[in-house]
Every structure is written in C-alpha cells, then in structure tokens.
Protein backbone atom coordinates (compact mmCIF):
# COMPACT_ATOMS: atom_id res chain seq x y z
CA MET A 1 37.28 125.49 128.43
CA CYS A 2 40.53 123.88 129.55
CA LYS A 3 41.43 120.42 128.34
CA ILE A 4 43.29 118.66 131.12
CA ASN A 5 45.29 116.60 128.63
CA THR A 6 47.00 119.81 127.47
CA VAL A 7 48.23 120.44 131.02
CA PHE A 8 49.21 116.94 132.17
CA SER A 9 50.78 114.18 130.09
CA ALA A 10 48.91 111.05 129.03
CA LYS A 11 51.12 108.98 131.31
CA GLU A 12 50.19 111.11 134.32
CA LEU A 13 46.49 111.04 133.50
CA LYS A 14 46.53 107.27 133.05
CA ALA A 15 46.95 106.95 136.84
CA LEU A 16 43.52 108.60 137.35
CA ARG A 17 40.11 107.03 136.96
CA PRO A 18 37.52 108.83 134.79
CA LYS A 19 35.72 110.29 137.82
CA GLU A 20 39.02 111.64 139.19
CA ARG A 21 39.89 113.10 135.79
CA ARG A 22 36.57 114.95 135.69
CA ALA A 23 37.23 116.33 139.17
CA LEU A 24 40.68 117.52 138.10
CA GLU A 25 39.26 119.10 134.96
CA LYS A 26 36.58 120.85 137.03
CA GLN A 27 39.31 122.27 139.27
CA ALA A 28 41.26 123.41 136.19
CA VAL A 29 38.23 125.26 134.84
CA HIS A 30 37.80 126.91 138.22
CA HIS A 31 41.40 128.18 138.12
CA VAL A 32 41.06 129.42 134.54
CA ARG A 33 37.98 131.41 135.50
CA THR A 34 39.20 132.85 138.81
CA SER A 35 42.99 133.10 138.87
CA PRO A 36 44.47 136.54 138.12
CA GLU A 37 47.82 134.91 137.26
CA ILE A 38 46.19 132.72 134.62
CA HIS A 39 44.17 135.66 133.27
CA LYS A 40 47.39 137.64 132.71
CA ILE A 41 48.90 134.77 130.74
CA ILE A 42 45.90 134.10 128.52
CA SER A 43 45.08 137.76 127.91
CA LYS A 44 48.39 138.15 126.03
CA HIS A 45 47.10 135.94 123.20
CA PRO A 46 44.46 137.16 120.74
CA LYS A 47 43.09 133.65 120.16
CA VAL A 48 42.71 132.64 123.79
CA ARG A 49 40.12 129.91 123.35
CA THR A 50 42.06 128.20 120.58
CA ILE A 51 45.29 128.27 122.57
CA ILE A 52 43.70 126.86 125.73
CA ARG A 53 41.97 124.04 123.87
CA THR A 54 44.82 122.97 121.59
CA LYS A 55 48.36 123.69 122.70
CA PRO A 56 48.68 126.20 125.53
CA ASP A 57 51.65 128.46 126.05
CA GLY A 58 54.41 126.99 128.22
CA SER A 59 53.83 129.59 130.93
CA PHE A 60 50.10 128.74 131.00
CA ARG A 61 50.86 125.04 131.27
CA ALA A 62 53.41 125.60 134.05
CA ALA A 63 51.09 127.85 136.03
CA MET A 64 48.19 125.42 135.72
CA ARG A 65 50.35 122.43 136.71
CA LYS A 66 51.51 124.36 139.76
CA LYS A 67 47.95 125.21 140.79
CA LEU A 68 46.61 121.71 140.12
CA ARG A 69 49.50 119.64 141.52
CA ALA A 70 48.01 119.29 145.02
CA THR A 71 44.63 118.25 143.62
CA PHE A 72 46.28 115.81 141.22
CA ASN A 73 48.31 114.18 143.99
CA LYS A 74 45.27 113.92 146.26
CA LEU A 75 43.22 112.25 143.53
CA LYS A 76 46.03 109.94 142.48
CA ASP A 77 46.47 108.46 145.96
C-alpha cells in the first residue's frame, strides 16, 4: 500500500534494521488508511495506487514524513 522507501531516503532507512523497517512501514499503512489529511491528498489523484507505490506527490511525502517522524526516531535509537 505505501512503500516506505518512497517516503524516506535510502540513507535514512539504512539506519534501521529490517524488523524496524517493517514496523515503520506498518505505521505508514495505518496512517494512509486512517488519516483524513492523507486521504485529502491522495483523493486528488485519479491513479492513487500507482502514485503511492511509485513516486508520491510532494505534499503526500511531506505529510507522511511529518506523521512518521516520531516513530522513525524512536526506532532509530
């Protein structure tokens, strides 16, 4: 549903172990499914699934990074 490598850079994700990456991706999917802010952004595009999986809109990426930053920092430490 939401590839975490489209939200965070490879350099950032390199600091996480595979188990931590899966936890972050699970949190990202949760936000995509439940966040009204994210729903507004993705509903503007007719090919939502393609955009989320390949190269998301800058506003989508920024909103997801904002929502996932606390989880990312917690997992990284």
